[in-house]
Amino acid sequence: IDETVLALLLLGLHEHNRVWKSFDWDALDRLHAKGLISDPRGKGKSVMMTEEGQTRAEALFAQMFERT
């Protein structure tokens, strides 16, 4: 689930590394614990993806959703 959420976060990518936090809180907390996104517990409507998080998200998105 976490890998799918990470990949789908790319659909809300804006301002280079910010993504809308419109997914399950538990999944976002786990992604934060893995160092892939910033802490989702703030009042903001988005979080920042780390460089590693964005690289992994792009690879996962391609693997899961792009046609070959």
Protein backbone atom coordinates (compact mmCIF):
# COMPACT_ATOMS: atom_id res chain seq x y z
CA ILE A 1 0.00 0.00 0.00
CA ASP A 2 2.73 2.47 0.95
CA GLU A 3 4.48 2.09 -2.41
CA THR A 4 1.22 2.69 -4.25
CA VAL A 5 0.47 5.78 -2.15
CA LEU A 6 3.98 7.08 -2.77
CA ALA A 7 3.56 6.60 -6.53
CA LEU A 8 0.12 8.24 -6.55
CA LEU A 9 1.38 11.25 -4.62
CA LEU A 10 3.04 12.31 -7.88
CA LEU A 11 -0.40 13.09 -9.31
CA GLY A 12 -0.58 16.09 -6.98
CA LEU A 13 3.01 17.27 -7.51
CA HIS A 14 3.43 21.06 -7.54
CA GLU A 15 6.15 23.60 -6.74
CA HIS A 16 8.90 21.08 -7.66
CA ASN A 17 8.60 18.82 -4.59
CA ARG A 18 5.30 19.49 -2.84
CA VAL A 19 2.41 17.01 -3.02
CA TRP A 20 -1.15 17.18 -1.75
CA LYS A 21 -1.66 15.03 1.32
CA SER A 22 -4.99 13.54 0.28
CA PHE A 23 -4.24 9.94 1.27
CA ASP A 24 -4.67 7.80 4.36
CA TRP A 25 -2.93 9.31 7.41
CA ASP A 26 -1.38 6.02 8.50
CA ALA A 27 0.24 5.56 5.08
CA LEU A 28 1.54 9.14 5.12
CA ASP A 29 2.95 8.61 8.61
CA ARG A 30 4.79 5.48 7.44
CA LEU A 31 6.21 7.31 4.41
CA HIS A 32 7.40 10.07 6.73
CA ALA A 33 9.01 7.51 9.07
CA LYS A 34 10.89 6.10 6.06
CA GLY A 35 12.20 9.58 5.22
CA LEU A 36 10.31 9.88 1.93
CA ILE A 37 8.07 12.87 2.78
CA SER A 38 8.01 15.64 5.35
CA ASP A 39 5.85 15.34 8.47
CA PRO A 40 2.18 15.28 7.39
CA ARG A 41 0.85 16.31 10.82
CA GLY A 42 0.84 20.07 10.16
CA LYS A 43 -2.03 22.34 9.14
CA GLY A 44 -0.81 22.64 5.55
CA LYS A 45 -2.60 20.83 2.76
CA SER A 46 0.61 19.51 1.25
CA VAL A 47 3.90 17.89 2.25
CA MET A 48 7.34 17.96 0.68
CA MET A 49 8.84 14.90 -0.94
CA THR A 50 12.46 14.26 -0.16
CA GLU A 51 14.81 13.75 -3.11
CA GLU A 52 14.84 10.02 -2.39
CA GLY A 53 11.05 9.99 -2.05
CA GLN A 54 10.52 11.68 -5.39
CA THR A 55 13.01 9.40 -7.16
CA ARG A 56 11.34 6.29 -5.72
CA ALA A 57 7.86 7.65 -6.48
CA GLU A 58 8.76 8.26 -10.13
CA ALA A 59 10.20 4.75 -10.50
CA LEU A 60 7.20 3.15 -8.80
CA PHE A 61 4.73 5.18 -10.87
CA ALA A 62 6.43 4.08 -14.09
CA GLN A 63 6.45 0.44 -12.93
CA MET A 64 2.82 0.41 -11.79
CA PHE A 65 0.97 2.70 -14.18
CA GLU A 66 2.88 3.29 -17.43
CA ARG A 67 2.32 1.06 -20.41
CA THR A 68 5.33 -0.62 -21.89
